[in-house]
Amino acid sequence: MPSDLVPTADAAKAIGVDRRTLQRWVKEGRVKPTLTTAGGHHRWDVEDLKRQLREMKRR
């Protein structure tokens, strides 16, 4: 796993939302994690997540 990927809680903190909010956005298809582990845990590239959020706001 690339070292620059962070778990959901850290990604959520980086963008100023609760981890449950980020998990809900994934479930709703609003954002996609960079990686999903074999155990089903999401890993995020924070810059990519921020890009996805900018695109989400444009819609």
PDB file of N, CA and C in Angstrom:
ATOM      1  N   MET A   1       0.852  -1.181   0.000  1.00  0.00           N
ATOM      2  CA  MET A   1       0.000   0.000   0.000  1.00  0.00           C
ATOM      3  C   MET A   1       0.894   1.240   0.000  1.00  0.00           C
ATOM      4  N   PRO A   2       0.620   2.200  -0.887  1.00  0.00           N
ATOM      5  CA  PRO A   2       1.416   3.433  -0.918  1.00  0.00           C
ATOM      6  C   PRO A   2       1.359   4.159   0.421  1.00  0.00           C
ATOM      7  N   SER A   3       2.474   4.727   0.838  1.00  0.00           N
ATOM      8  CA  SER A   3       2.559   5.354   2.159  1.00  0.00           C
ATOM      9  C   SER A   3       1.815   6.678   2.261  1.00  0.00           C
ATOM     10  N   ASP A   4       1.447   7.285   1.130  1.00  0.00           N
ATOM     11  CA  ASP A   4       0.764   8.577   1.192  1.00  0.00           C
ATOM     12  C   ASP A   4      -0.749   8.433   1.332  1.00  0.00           C
ATOM     13  N   LEU A   5      -1.244   7.214   1.426  1.00  0.00           N
ATOM     14  CA  LEU A   5      -2.675   6.994   1.600  1.00  0.00           C
ATOM     15  C   LEU A   5      -3.005   6.961   3.087  1.00  0.00           C
ATOM     16  N   VAL A   6      -4.143   7.556   3.437  1.00  0.00           N
ATOM     17  CA  VAL A   6      -4.532   7.647   4.846  1.00  0.00           C
ATOM     18  C   VAL A   6      -5.875   6.962   5.062  1.00  0.00           C
ATOM     19  N   PRO A   7      -6.140   6.514   6.304  1.00  0.00           N
ATOM     20  CA  PRO A   7      -7.430   5.898   6.593  1.00  0.00           C
ATOM     21  C   PRO A   7      -8.558   6.931   6.592  1.00  0.00           C
ATOM     22  N   THR A   8      -9.774   6.442   6.595  1.00  0.00           N
ATOM     23  CA  THR A   8     -10.956   7.301   6.502  1.00  0.00           C
ATOM     24  C   THR A   8     -10.984   8.389   7.574  1.00  0.00           C
ATOM     25  N   ALA A   9     -10.688   8.041   8.810  1.00  0.00           N
ATOM     26  CA  ALA A   9     -10.742   9.035   9.889  1.00  0.00           C
ATOM     27  C   ALA A   9      -9.791  10.197   9.622  1.00  0.00           C
ATOM     28  N   ASP A  10      -8.591   9.896   9.148  1.00  0.00           N
ATOM     29  CA  ASP A  10      -7.611  10.954   8.865  1.00  0.00           C
ATOM     30  C   ASP A  10      -8.024  11.784   7.652  1.00  0.00           C
ATOM     31  N   ALA A  11      -8.564  11.123   6.638  1.00  0.00           N
ATOM     32  CA  ALA A  11      -9.023  11.847   5.447  1.00  0.00           C
ATOM     33  C   ALA A  11     -10.173  12.780   5.811  1.00  0.00           C
ATOM     34  N   ALA A  12     -11.091  12.286   6.620  1.00  0.00           N
ATOM     35  CA  ALA A  12     -12.230  13.105   7.039  1.00  0.00           C
ATOM     36  C   ALA A  12     -11.752  14.328   7.818  1.00  0.00           C
ATOM     37  N   LYS A  13     -10.815  14.118   8.712  1.00  0.00           N
ATOM     38  CA  LYS A  13     -10.269  15.232   9.496  1.00  0.00           C
ATOM     39  C   LYS A  13      -9.617  16.265   8.582  1.00  0.00           C
ATOM     40  N   ALA A  14      -8.908  15.795   7.555  1.00  0.00           N
ATOM     41  CA  ALA A  14      -8.212  16.699   6.632  1.00  0.00           C
ATOM     42  C   ALA A  14      -9.174  17.591   5.860  1.00  0.00           C
ATOM     43  N   ILE A  15     -10.403  17.115   5.637  1.00  0.00           N
ATOM     44  CA  ILE A  15     -11.374  17.931   4.895  1.00  0.00           C
ATOM     45  C   ILE A  15     -12.431  18.553   5.803  1.00  0.00           C
ATOM     46  N   GLY A  16     -12.320  18.316   7.113  1.00  0.00           N
ATOM     47  CA  GLY A  16     -13.194  18.981   8.069  1.00  0.00           C
ATOM     48  C   GLY A  16     -14.579  18.384   8.226  1.00  0.00           C
ATOM     49  N   VAL A  17     -14.702  17.064   8.020  1.00  0.00           N
ATOM     50  CA  VAL A  17     -15.990  16.399   8.246  1.00  0.00           C
ATOM     51  C   VAL A  17     -15.771  15.203   9.168  1.00  0.00           C
ATOM     52  N   ASP A  18     -16.853  14.685   9.705  1.00  0.00           N
ATOM     53  CA  ASP A  18     -16.789  13.492  10.531  1.00  0.00           C
ATOM     54  C   ASP A  18     -16.550  12.273   9.645  1.00  0.00           C
ATOM     55  N   ARG A  19     -15.891  11.254  10.162  1.00  0.00           N
ATOM     56  CA  ARG A  19     -15.614  10.053   9.368  1.00  0.00           C
ATOM     57  C   ARG A  19     -16.894   9.388   8.889  1.00  0.00           C
ATOM     58  N   ARG A  20     -17.964   9.488   9.685  1.00  0.00           N
ATOM     59  CA  ARG A  20     -19.242   8.892   9.268  1.00  0.00           C
ATOM     60  C   ARG A  20     -19.817   9.616   8.057  1.00  0.00           C
ATOM     61  N   THR A  21     -19.584  10.906   7.970  1.00  0.00           N
ATOM     62  CA  THR A  21     -20.028  11.663   6.798  1.00  0.00           C
ATOM     63  C   THR A  21     -19.301  11.164   5.557  1.00  0.00           C
ATOM     64  N   LEU A  22     -18.000  10.993   5.660  1.00  0.00           N
ATOM     65  CA  LEU A  22     -17.218  10.502   4.527  1.00  0.00           C
ATOM     66  C   LEU A  22     -17.653   9.086   4.150  1.00  0.00           C
ATOM     67  N   GLN A  23     -17.908   8.246   5.139  1.00  0.00           N
ATOM     68  CA  GLN A  23     -18.390   6.887   4.863  1.00  0.00           C
ATOM     69  C   GLN A  23     -19.743   6.923   4.147  1.00  0.00           C
ATOM     70  N   ARG A  24     -20.614   7.836   4.560  1.00  0.00           N
ATOM     71  CA  ARG A  24     -21.931   7.972   3.920  1.00  0.00           C
ATOM     72  C   ARG A  24     -21.776   8.427   2.475  1.00  0.00           C
ATOM     73  N   TRP A  25     -20.871   9.372   2.224  1.00  0.00           N
ATOM     74  CA  TRP A  25     -20.646   9.840   0.854  1.00  0.00           C
ATOM     75  C   TRP A  25     -20.173   8.710  -0.046  1.00  0.00           C
ATOM     76  N   VAL A  26     -19.346   7.808   0.494  1.00  0.00           N
ATOM     77  CA  VAL A  26     -18.896   6.645  -0.286  1.00  0.00           C
ATOM     78  C   VAL A  26     -20.097   5.770  -0.614  1.00  0.00           C
ATOM     79  N   LYS A  27     -20.912   5.495   0.392  1.00  0.00           N
ATOM     80  CA  LYS A  27     -22.086   4.633   0.212  1.00  0.00           C
ATOM     81  C   LYS A  27     -23.044   5.228  -0.819  1.00  0.00           C
ATOM     82  N   GLU A  28     -23.171   6.549  -0.833  1.00  0.00           N
ATOM     83  CA  GLU A  28     -24.060   7.240  -1.770  1.00  0.00           C
ATOM     84  C   GLU A  28     -23.436   7.405  -3.159  1.00  0.00           C
ATOM     85  N   GLY A  29     -22.161   7.078  -3.285  1.00  0.00           N
ATOM     86  CA  GLY A  29     -21.485   7.195  -4.573  1.00  0.00           C
ATOM     87  C   GLY A  29     -20.977   8.588  -4.889  1.00  0.00           C
ATOM     88  N   ARG A  30     -20.940   9.455  -3.901  1.00  0.00           N
ATOM     89  CA  ARG A  30     -20.480  10.834  -4.125  1.00  0.00           C
ATOM     90  C   ARG A  30     -18.971  10.924  -4.296  1.00  0.00           C
ATOM     91  N   VAL A  31     -18.233  10.109  -3.543  1.00  0.00           N
ATOM     92  CA  VAL A  31     -16.771  10.071  -3.634  1.00  0.00           C
ATOM     93  C   VAL A  31     -16.318   8.619  -3.668  1.00  0.00           C
ATOM     94  N   LYS A  32     -15.098   8.416  -4.209  1.00  0.00           N
ATOM     95  CA  LYS A  32     -14.538   7.067  -4.287  1.00  0.00           C
ATOM     96  C   LYS A  32     -13.189   7.047  -3.590  1.00  0.00           C
ATOM     97  N   PRO A  33     -12.973   6.078  -2.708  1.00  0.00           N
ATOM     98  CA  PRO A  33     -11.660   5.968  -2.070  1.00  0.00           C
ATOM     99  C   PRO A  33     -10.597   5.576  -3.092  1.00  0.00           C
ATOM    100  N   THR A  34      -9.371   5.939  -2.814  1.00  0.00           N
ATOM    101  CA  THR A  34      -8.263   5.580  -3.693  1.00  0.00           C
ATOM    102  C   THR A  34      -8.049   4.073  -3.694  1.00  0.00           C
ATOM    103  N   LEU A  35      -8.245   3.447  -2.539  1.00  0.00           N
ATOM    104  CA  LEU A  35      -7.995   2.020  -2.385  1.00  0.00           C
ATOM    105  C   LEU A  35      -8.966   1.450  -1.367  1.00  0.00           C
ATOM    106  N   THR A  36      -9.432   0.246  -1.602  1.00  0.00           N
ATOM    107  CA  THR A  36     -10.197  -0.495  -0.606  1.00  0.00           C
ATOM    108  C   THR A  36      -9.399  -1.755  -0.300  1.00  0.00           C
ATOM    109  N   THR A  37      -9.087  -1.960   0.972  1.00  0.00           N
ATOM    110  CA  THR A  37      -8.276  -3.108   1.367  1.00  0.00           C
ATOM    111  C   THR A  37      -9.082  -4.395   1.254  1.00  0.00           C
ATOM    112  N   ALA A  38      -8.394  -5.517   1.369  1.00  0.00           N
ATOM    113  CA  ALA A  38      -9.060  -6.822   1.328  1.00  0.00           C
ATOM    114  C   ALA A  38     -10.091  -6.942   2.447  1.00  0.00           C
ATOM    115  N   GLY A  39      -9.858  -6.244   3.546  1.00  0.00           N
ATOM    116  CA  GLY A  39     -10.789  -6.256   4.674  1.00  0.00           C
ATOM    117  C   GLY A  39     -11.923  -5.254   4.542  1.00  0.00           C
ATOM    118  N   GLY A  40     -11.954  -4.507   3.422  1.00  0.00           N
ATOM    119  CA  GLY A  40     -13.031  -3.551   3.185  1.00  0.00           C
ATOM    120  C   GLY A  40     -12.798  -2.156   3.730  1.00  0.00           C
ATOM    121  N   HIS A  41     -11.592  -1.882   4.201  1.00  0.00           N
ATOM    122  CA  HIS A  41     -11.281  -0.554   4.728  1.00  0.00           C
ATOM    123  C   HIS A  41     -10.831   0.351   3.590  1.00  0.00           C
ATOM    124  N   HIS A  42     -11.232   1.616   3.671  1.00  0.00           N
ATOM    125  CA  HIS A  42     -10.883   2.568   2.623  1.00  0.00           C
ATOM    126  C   HIS A  42      -9.600   3.308   2.976  1.00  0.00           C
ATOM    127  N   ARG A  43      -8.825   3.596   1.953  1.00  0.00           N
ATOM    128  CA  ARG A  43      -7.617   4.415   2.078  1.00  0.00           C
ATOM    129  C   ARG A  43      -7.737   5.538   1.064  1.00  0.00           C
ATOM    130  N   TRP A  44      -7.261   6.705   1.462  1.00  0.00           N
ATOM    131  CA  TRP A  44      -7.493   7.916   0.686  1.00  0.00           C
ATOM    132  C   TRP A  44      -6.214   8.659   0.364  1.00  0.00           C
ATOM    133  N   ASP A  45      -6.159   9.207  -0.842  1.00  0.00           N
ATOM    134  CA  ASP A  45      -5.192  10.225  -1.220  1.00  0.00           C
ATOM    135  C   ASP A  45      -5.947  11.531  -0.979  1.00  0.00           C
ATOM    136  N   VAL A  46      -5.530  12.291   0.008  1.00  0.00           N
ATOM    137  CA  VAL A  46      -6.287  13.478   0.428  1.00  0.00           C
ATOM    138  C   VAL A  46      -6.443  14.483  -0.712  1.00  0.00           C
ATOM    139  N   GLU A  47      -5.411  14.671  -1.516  1.00  0.00           N
ATOM    140  CA  GLU A  47      -5.517  15.618  -2.633  1.00  0.00           C
ATOM    141  C   GLU A  47      -6.563  15.157  -3.647  1.00  0.00           C
ATOM    142  N   ASP A  48      -6.612  13.861  -3.914  1.00  0.00           N
ATOM    143  CA  ASP A  48      -7.627  13.326  -4.822  1.00  0.00           C
ATOM    144  C   ASP A  48      -9.018  13.510  -4.228  1.00  0.00           C
ATOM    145  N   LEU A  49      -9.159  13.280  -2.937  1.00  0.00           N
ATOM    146  CA  LEU A  49     -10.450  13.475  -2.272  1.00  0.00           C
ATOM    147  C   LEU A  49     -10.892  14.933  -2.392  1.00  0.00           C
ATOM    148  N   LYS A  50      -9.977  15.863  -2.180  1.00  0.00           N
ATOM    149  CA  LYS A  50     -10.318  17.286  -2.310  1.00  0.00           C
ATOM    150  C   LYS A  50     -10.756  17.616  -3.733  1.00  0.00           C
ATOM    151  N   ARG A  51     -10.097  17.009  -4.730  1.00  0.00           N
ATOM    152  CA  ARG A  51     -10.493  17.214  -6.125  1.00  0.00           C
ATOM    153  C   ARG A  51     -11.912  16.693  -6.355  1.00  0.00           C
ATOM    154  N   GLN A  52     -12.209  15.521  -5.820  1.00  0.00           N
ATOM    155  CA  GLN A  52     -13.550  14.954  -5.965  1.00  0.00           C
ATOM    156  C   GLN A  52     -14.602  15.874  -5.336  1.00  0.00           C
ATOM    157  N   LEU A  53     -14.277  16.455  -4.203  1.00  0.00           N
ATOM    158  CA  LEU A  53     -15.222  17.351  -3.530  1.00  0.00           C
ATOM    159  C   LEU A  53     -15.451  18.624  -4.338  1.00  0.00           C
ATOM    160  N   ARG A  54     -14.382  19.153  -4.954  1.00  0.00           N
ATOM    161  CA  ARG A  54     -14.550  20.342  -5.800  1.00  0.00           C
ATOM    162  C   ARG A  54     -15.485  20.018  -6.960  1.00  0.00           C
ATOM    163  N   GLU A  55     -15.303  18.854  -7.563  1.00  0.00           N
ATOM    164  CA  GLU A  55     -16.173  18.442  -8.668  1.00  0.00           C
ATOM    165  C   GLU A  55     -17.605  18.238  -8.188  1.00  0.00           C
ATOM    166  N   MET A  56     -17.761  17.701  -6.988  1.00  0.00           N
ATOM    167  CA  MET A  56     -19.087  17.468  -6.420  1.00  0.00           C
ATOM    168  C   MET A  56     -19.819  18.800  -6.229  1.00  0.00           C
ATOM    169  N   LYS A  57     -19.107  19.830  -5.804  1.00  0.00           N
ATOM    170  CA  LYS A  57     -19.724  21.141  -5.577  1.00  0.00           C
ATOM    171  C   LYS A  57     -20.170  21.796  -6.880  1.00  0.00           C
ATOM    172  N   ARG A  58     -19.494  21.471  -7.980  1.00  0.00           N
ATOM    173  CA  ARG A  58     -19.845  22.058  -9.279  1.00  0.00           C
ATOM    174  C   ARG A  58     -21.152  21.508  -9.827  1.00  0.00           C
ATOM    175  N   ARG A  59     -21.534  20.333  -9.395  1.00  0.00           N
ATOM    176  CA  ARG A  59     -22.751  19.686  -9.924  1.00  0.00           C
ATOM    177  C   ARG A  59     -24.007  20.300  -9.394  1.00  0.00           C
TER     178      ARG A  59
END
